[in-house]
Protein backbone atom coordinates (compact mmCIF):
# COMPACT_ATOMS: atom_id res chain seq x y z
CA MET A 1 106.49 264.39 124.04
CA MET A 2 107.49 261.86 126.69
CA PRO A 3 107.28 264.32 129.62
CA ILE A 4 103.61 264.84 128.70
CA VAL A 5 102.72 261.21 128.01
CA TRP A 6 104.06 259.81 131.30
CA PRO A 7 101.93 261.98 133.67
CA ILE A 8 98.82 261.30 131.59
CA LEU A 9 99.53 257.56 131.69
CA VAL A 10 100.01 257.65 135.47
CA ILE A 11 96.74 259.54 135.97
CA VAL A 12 94.70 257.24 133.71
CA VAL A 13 96.12 254.03 135.18
CA THR A 14 95.64 255.32 138.75
CA VAL A 15 92.01 256.33 138.15
CA PHE A 16 91.06 253.04 136.52
CA GLY A 17 93.11 251.14 139.09
CA VAL A 18 91.16 252.75 141.95
CA LEU A 19 87.85 251.99 140.22
CA GLY A 20 88.95 248.39 139.65
CA VAL A 21 90.05 247.92 143.26
CA ALA A 22 86.75 249.36 144.53
CA ALA A 23 84.74 247.05 142.25
CA VAL A 24 86.76 243.94 143.09
CA SER A 25 86.56 244.79 146.82
CA THR A 26 82.78 244.34 146.70
CA MET A 27 83.25 240.78 145.44
CA LEU A 28 86.13 240.13 147.85
CA GLU A 29 84.00 241.23 150.78
CA ARG A 30 81.11 238.94 149.88
CA ARG A 31 83.41 235.96 149.39
CA LEU A 32 85.33 236.55 152.63
CA LEU A 33 82.13 237.10 154.61
CA GLY A 34 81.01 233.71 153.34
CA VAL A 35 84.26 232.16 154.55
CA PHE A 36 84.11 233.90 157.94
CA GLN A 37 80.45 232.91 158.46
CA ASP A 38 80.90 229.33 157.19
CA ARG A 39 78.59 229.67 154.19
CA PRO A 40 79.05 229.93 150.40
CA GLY A 41 79.45 233.39 148.98
CA PRO A 42 78.57 234.35 145.38
CA ASN A 43 79.51 231.31 143.30
CA ARG A 44 77.04 231.12 140.42
CA VAL A 45 78.08 233.79 137.90
CA GLY A 46 81.25 232.65 136.17
CA PRO A 47 84.04 230.49 137.62
CA PHE A 48 84.05 230.83 141.42
CA GLY A 49 81.53 233.66 141.05
CA LEU A 50 84.17 236.02 139.63
CA PHE A 51 81.77 237.54 137.09
CA GLN A 52 79.41 238.69 139.83
CA VAL A 53 81.18 242.07 139.79
CA ILE A 54 80.36 242.50 136.09
CA ALA A 55 76.74 241.47 136.70
CA ASP A 56 76.40 243.99 139.53
CA ALA A 57 77.94 246.74 137.39
CA MET A 58 75.57 246.02 134.50
CA LYS A 59 72.62 246.09 136.87
CA MET A 60 73.76 249.43 138.27
CA LEU A 61 74.22 250.92 134.79
CA PHE A 62 70.81 249.91 133.45
CA LYS A 63 68.76 250.35 136.61
CA GLN A 64 66.17 253.12 136.44
CA ASP A 65 67.71 256.44 137.45
CA TRP A 66 64.88 257.94 139.49
CA ILE A 67 64.89 261.35 141.16
CA PRO A 68 62.20 261.93 143.81
CA PRO A 69 59.87 264.80 142.83
CA PHE A 70 60.16 266.23 146.35
CA ALA A 71 63.99 266.38 146.27
CA ASP A 72 66.18 269.42 145.63
CA LYS A 73 67.30 268.14 142.24
CA PRO A 74 70.54 270.12 141.57
CA VAL A 75 71.95 269.36 145.02
CA PHE A 76 70.63 265.79 144.85
CA LEU A 77 72.62 265.24 141.62
CA VAL A 78 75.83 266.92 142.79
CA ALA A 79 76.12 265.20 146.20
CA PRO A 80 77.38 261.76 145.04
CA ILE A 81 79.80 263.37 142.58
CA ILE A 82 81.43 265.38 145.39
CA GLY A 83 81.96 262.32 147.54
CA PHE A 84 83.36 260.20 144.74
CA LEU A 85 85.74 262.89 143.44
CA ALA A 86 86.98 263.72 146.96
CA VAL A 87 88.12 260.12 147.48
CA LEU A 88 89.54 259.86 143.97
CA LEU A 89 91.60 263.05 144.33
CA CYS A 90 93.16 261.77 147.54
CA PHE A 91 94.83 258.97 145.59
CA GLY A 92 96.64 261.62 143.55
CA VAL A 93 99.11 262.29 146.38
CA VAL A 94 99.62 258.68 147.55
CA PRO A 95 102.97 257.40 146.21
CA ILE A 96 102.61 253.74 145.27
CA THR A 97 106.24 253.11 144.27
CA PRO A 98 109.37 255.30 144.20
CA ILE A 99 108.51 256.33 140.61
CA TRP A 100 104.73 255.98 140.52
CA GLY A 101 102.43 258.67 141.86
CA VAL A 102 100.26 261.37 140.30
CA ALA A 103 101.48 264.14 142.60
CA GLY A 104 103.69 262.18 144.98
CA GLU A 105 106.19 265.04 145.27
CA LEU A 106 103.63 267.44 146.77
CA ASN A 107 105.27 268.71 149.95
CA VAL A 108 101.92 269.17 151.72
CA GLY A 109 100.36 265.93 150.51
CA LEU A 110 99.04 264.99 153.93
CA LEU A 111 97.28 268.35 154.31
CA PHE A 112 95.79 267.94 150.83
CA ILE A 113 94.30 264.58 151.82
CA PHE A 114 92.68 266.02 154.94
CA GLY A 115 91.30 268.87 152.87
CA MET A 116 89.68 266.41 150.46
CA LEU A 117 88.33 264.31 153.33
CA GLY A 118 86.73 267.47 154.68
CA LEU A 119 85.00 268.02 151.33
CA GLY A 120 83.70 264.46 151.51
CA VAL A 121 81.54 265.46 154.48
CA TYR A 122 79.57 267.80 152.21
CA SER A 123 78.60 264.85 150.04
CA VAL A 124 76.71 262.92 152.72
CA VAL A 125 75.26 266.06 154.33
CA LEU A 126 73.94 267.41 151.04
CA ALA A 127 72.63 263.98 150.04
CA GLY A 128 70.65 263.67 153.26
CA TRP A 129 69.34 267.24 153.15
CA SER A 130 68.44 267.36 149.45
CA SER A 131 66.52 264.06 149.61
CA ASN A 132 63.82 265.75 151.74
CA ASN A 133 63.45 262.48 153.64
CA LYS A 134 63.61 262.33 157.43
CA TYR A 135 65.62 259.10 157.46
CA ALA A 136 68.09 260.44 154.90
CA LEU A 137 68.39 263.70 156.86
CA LEU A 138 69.07 261.81 160.08
CA GLY A 139 71.74 259.76 158.31
CA GLY A 140 73.33 262.93 156.93
CA MET A 141 73.39 264.56 160.38
CA ARG A 142 74.94 261.45 161.90
CA ALA A 143 77.52 261.34 159.13
CA ALA A 144 78.44 265.00 159.60
CA ALA A 145 78.99 264.68 163.35
CA GLN A 146 80.81 261.36 163.02
CA MET A 147 83.12 262.32 160.15
CA ILE A 148 84.02 265.79 161.44
CA SER A 149 84.73 264.42 164.93
CA TYR A 150 86.88 261.53 163.80
CA GLU A 151 88.78 263.71 161.33
CA VAL A 152 90.07 265.58 164.39
CA PHE A 153 91.45 262.40 165.93
CA MET A 154 92.80 261.21 162.59
CA GLY A 155 94.64 264.48 162.07
CA LEU A 156 96.09 264.48 165.57
CA SER A 157 97.17 260.84 165.27
CA VAL A 158 99.37 261.54 162.23
CA MET A 159 101.13 264.47 163.89
CA GLY A 160 103.49 261.98 165.53
CA VAL A 161 104.43 260.64 162.10
CA VAL A 162 104.92 264.17 160.77
CA MET A 163 107.21 265.05 163.69
CA ALA A 164 109.20 261.84 163.29
CA ALA A 165 109.64 262.31 159.53
CA GLY A 166 109.98 266.10 159.65
CA SER A 167 107.71 266.58 156.63
CA PHE A 168 104.09 266.68 155.44
CA SER A 169 105.12 265.02 152.19
CA ILE A 170 103.89 261.43 152.07
CA ARG A 171 106.86 260.41 149.94
CA ASP A 172 109.24 261.82 152.57
CA ILE A 173 107.33 259.94 155.26
CA VAL A 174 107.75 256.67 153.36
CA GLU A 175 111.47 257.33 152.82
CA ALA A 176 111.86 257.99 156.56
CA GLN A 177 110.72 254.38 157.20
CA THR A 178 113.58 252.78 155.26
CA HIS A 179 115.10 251.24 158.39
CA CYS A 180 112.14 251.19 160.81
CA TRP A 181 108.42 251.30 160.05
CA PHE A 182 106.48 253.87 162.06
CA ILE A 183 104.07 251.15 163.24
CA ILE A 184 106.64 250.40 165.96
CA PRO A 185 107.34 253.83 167.50
CA GLN A 186 103.88 255.16 166.56
CA CYS A 187 101.78 252.11 167.47
CA LEU A 188 99.30 254.22 169.46
CA GLY A 189 98.89 256.67 166.60
CA ALA A 190 98.39 253.78 164.16
CA VAL A 191 95.55 252.32 166.25
CA ILE A 192 93.86 255.73 166.53
CA PHE A 193 94.26 256.31 162.79
CA LEU A 194 92.76 252.88 162.03
CA LEU A 195 89.72 253.50 164.25
CA ALA A 196 89.22 256.96 162.76
CA GLY A 197 89.53 255.49 159.26
CA ILE A 198 86.76 252.99 160.01
CA ALA A 199 84.51 255.82 161.20
CA GLU A 200 85.39 257.99 158.19
CA THR A 201 84.45 255.28 155.71
CA HIS A 202 81.22 254.35 157.58
CA ARG A 203 82.31 250.76 157.89
CA LEU A 204 81.00 248.33 160.46
CA PRO A 205 80.95 248.56 163.40
CA PHE A 206 80.73 252.35 162.81
CA ASP A 207 78.20 252.39 159.94
CA PHE A 208 75.69 254.62 161.79
CA PRO A 209 75.01 256.95 158.81
CA GLU A 210 73.75 253.87 156.93
CA GLY A 211 72.25 251.86 159.80
CA GLU A 212 69.70 249.74 157.90
CA ASN A 213 67.95 248.50 161.03
CA GLU A 214 67.53 252.05 162.37
CA ILE A 215 67.18 254.58 159.53
CA GLY A 216 66.39 252.61 156.37
CA ALA A 217 69.58 253.14 154.40
CA GLY A 218 70.68 256.49 155.78
CA PHE A 219 71.74 259.43 153.67
CA HIS A 220 71.35 257.58 150.34
CA THR A 221 67.85 256.19 151.03
CA GLU A 222 66.35 257.98 148.00
CA TYR A 223 69.21 257.23 145.60
CA SER A 224 69.15 254.63 142.86
CA GLY A 225 71.01 253.69 139.68
CA MET A 226 74.43 255.15 139.06
CA LYS A 227 74.03 257.87 141.69
CA PHE A 228 73.72 255.16 144.33
CA GLY A 229 76.56 253.33 142.57
CA MET A 230 78.83 256.36 143.08
CA PHE A 231 78.16 256.30 146.83
CA TYR A 232 78.77 252.55 146.79
CA LEU A 233 82.07 252.85 144.91
CA ALA A 234 83.14 255.82 147.06
CA GLU A 235 82.76 253.70 150.21
CA TYR A 236 84.95 250.89 148.90
CA ALA A 237 87.41 253.34 147.37
CA GLY A 238 87.53 254.97 150.82
CA VAL A 239 88.42 251.62 152.37
CA ALA A 240 91.22 251.25 149.82
CA LEU A 241 92.35 254.83 150.52
CA SER A 242 92.39 254.25 154.29
CA SER A 243 94.39 251.04 153.76
CA ALA A 244 96.82 252.84 151.44
CA LEU A 245 97.31 255.65 153.97
CA ILE A 246 97.99 253.22 156.81
CA THR A 247 100.45 251.45 154.52
CA THR A 248 102.31 254.63 153.62
CA LEU A 249 102.22 256.29 157.04
CA TYR A 250 102.85 253.33 159.33
CA LEU A 251 103.82 250.21 157.34
CA GLY A 252 106.71 251.53 155.30
CA GLY A 253 104.82 252.03 152.03
CA TRP A 254 106.61 250.17 149.23
CA HIS A 255 109.55 249.15 151.45
CA GLY A 256 110.23 245.45 151.93
CA PRO A 257 112.81 242.78 151.08
CA PHE A 258 113.08 240.68 147.90
CA LEU A 259 109.80 241.62 146.19
CA PRO A 260 109.29 244.61 143.85
CA PRO A 261 108.03 247.82 145.54
CA PHE A 262 104.58 247.64 143.89
CA LEU A 263 104.00 244.11 145.19
CA TRP A 264 104.86 245.10 148.74
CA PHE A 265 102.47 248.03 148.56
CA ALA A 266 99.71 245.87 147.05
CA ILE A 267 100.14 243.07 149.62
CA LYS A 268 99.93 245.46 152.57
CA VAL A 269 96.84 247.21 151.18
CA PHE A 270 95.16 243.87 150.39
CA LEU A 271 95.70 242.55 153.92
CA LEU A 272 94.31 245.75 155.44
CA ILE A 273 91.20 245.57 153.22
CA CYS A 274 90.71 241.98 154.41
CA PHE A 275 91.00 243.23 157.99
CA TYR A 276 88.25 245.80 157.35
CA ILE A 277 86.05 242.98 156.05
CA LEU A 278 86.85 240.82 159.08
CA LEU A 279 85.66 243.62 161.37
CA ARG A 280 82.31 243.61 159.59
CA ALA A 281 81.93 239.88 160.18
CA ALA A 282 83.16 239.83 163.78
CA LEU A 283 82.01 242.96 165.64
CA PRO A 284 78.53 244.17 166.64
CA ARG A 285 77.49 247.79 166.19
CA PRO A 286 77.59 249.96 169.35
CA ARG A 287 75.19 252.82 170.01
CA TYR A 288 75.78 256.17 168.31
CA ASP A 289 76.31 258.00 171.60
CA GLN A 290 78.91 255.38 172.57
CA LEU A 291 80.80 256.07 169.33
CA MET A 292 80.90 259.82 169.95
CA SER A 293 81.82 259.43 173.62
CA PHE A 294 84.58 256.99 172.74
CA GLY A 295 86.03 259.51 170.29
CA TRP A 296 86.03 262.60 172.50
CA LYS A 297 86.72 260.91 175.84
CA VAL A 298 89.21 258.23 174.79
CA LEU A 299 90.74 258.87 171.37
CA LEU A 300 91.25 262.62 171.84
CA PRO A 301 93.28 262.29 175.09
CA LEU A 302 95.26 259.38 173.63
CA SER A 303 96.10 261.28 170.45
CA LEU A 304 97.23 264.31 172.47
CA LEU A 305 99.33 262.01 174.66
CA ASN A 306 100.90 260.53 171.54
CA ILE A 307 101.84 264.01 170.30
CA LEU A 308 103.30 264.93 173.69
CA VAL A 309 105.45 261.81 173.97
CA THR A 310 106.60 261.98 170.33
CA GLY A 311 107.52 265.65 170.69
CA ALA A 312 109.54 264.91 173.81
CA VAL A 313 111.42 262.08 172.08
CA VAL A 314 112.16 264.23 169.03
CA LEU A 315 113.52 267.03 171.22
CA LEU A 316 115.66 264.62 173.23
CA ARG A 317 117.16 263.15 170.06
CA ALA A 318 117.89 266.65 168.80
CA GLY A 319 119.71 267.42 172.04
CA VAL A 320 117.46 270.34 172.92
């Protein structure tokens, strides 16, 4: 019985943990933005405003779930589900501790994550197209170009880590950082991965698919209620996923002195989420063409250079 109970427990705790982190991240962002901008954040609902998350969730649950009569209803309903499940499934191959992970032993875990991220593109594209709204369609087209482009740079940036660890298994990559985190030899790849992660999650300063001052609210302009809530949770879960991937690929995962492995993993992810929030408070949004040019003209050559240098170092160490 125990071999069956343990995997089910890991899956349930991981799913609810991701949902909890995404929900709490919304409150954390509003509080930190208040600190960064020298103003009070939410501080009315509960002690220190901690119950604001519950109030927002209740509002989302009971808000009218309206579907525009001009929308393609089946696709309109499926789009947010695809995006949310794609992010949630990615957490299945992220090992949190040496013994905790839904499918942490998957030997192609990194490829699985990029496959799921590719499916996430369909969510925003279908949402923009099915809404039959020109602003939503423009947001969906922006999202498609932005996410597909930056997935290329993200994939190339991790090739240095794969060559250094000799495996596509995320658990093997973490174990390879026992003595030296990859943030040191792969610093260029880490910066490229971070920038690509910001673009993938549509976070400021790269939130062009949702540019409120340009296209209303982007691909989810016509969404309301829980369908909008799924897009909202998927964005913050994506931030947590990007932080978890940077932690596992470049910051040694659960490795660290003195503290338990889970605490080290949680501390690193928390600090990275705070960094994402700081970017929103500190940086202005560039133009869309500048984002795309920066990717193809700067990040692509740098990621290829990183692969070339890493490959040369690996071959020299192997004595080839």
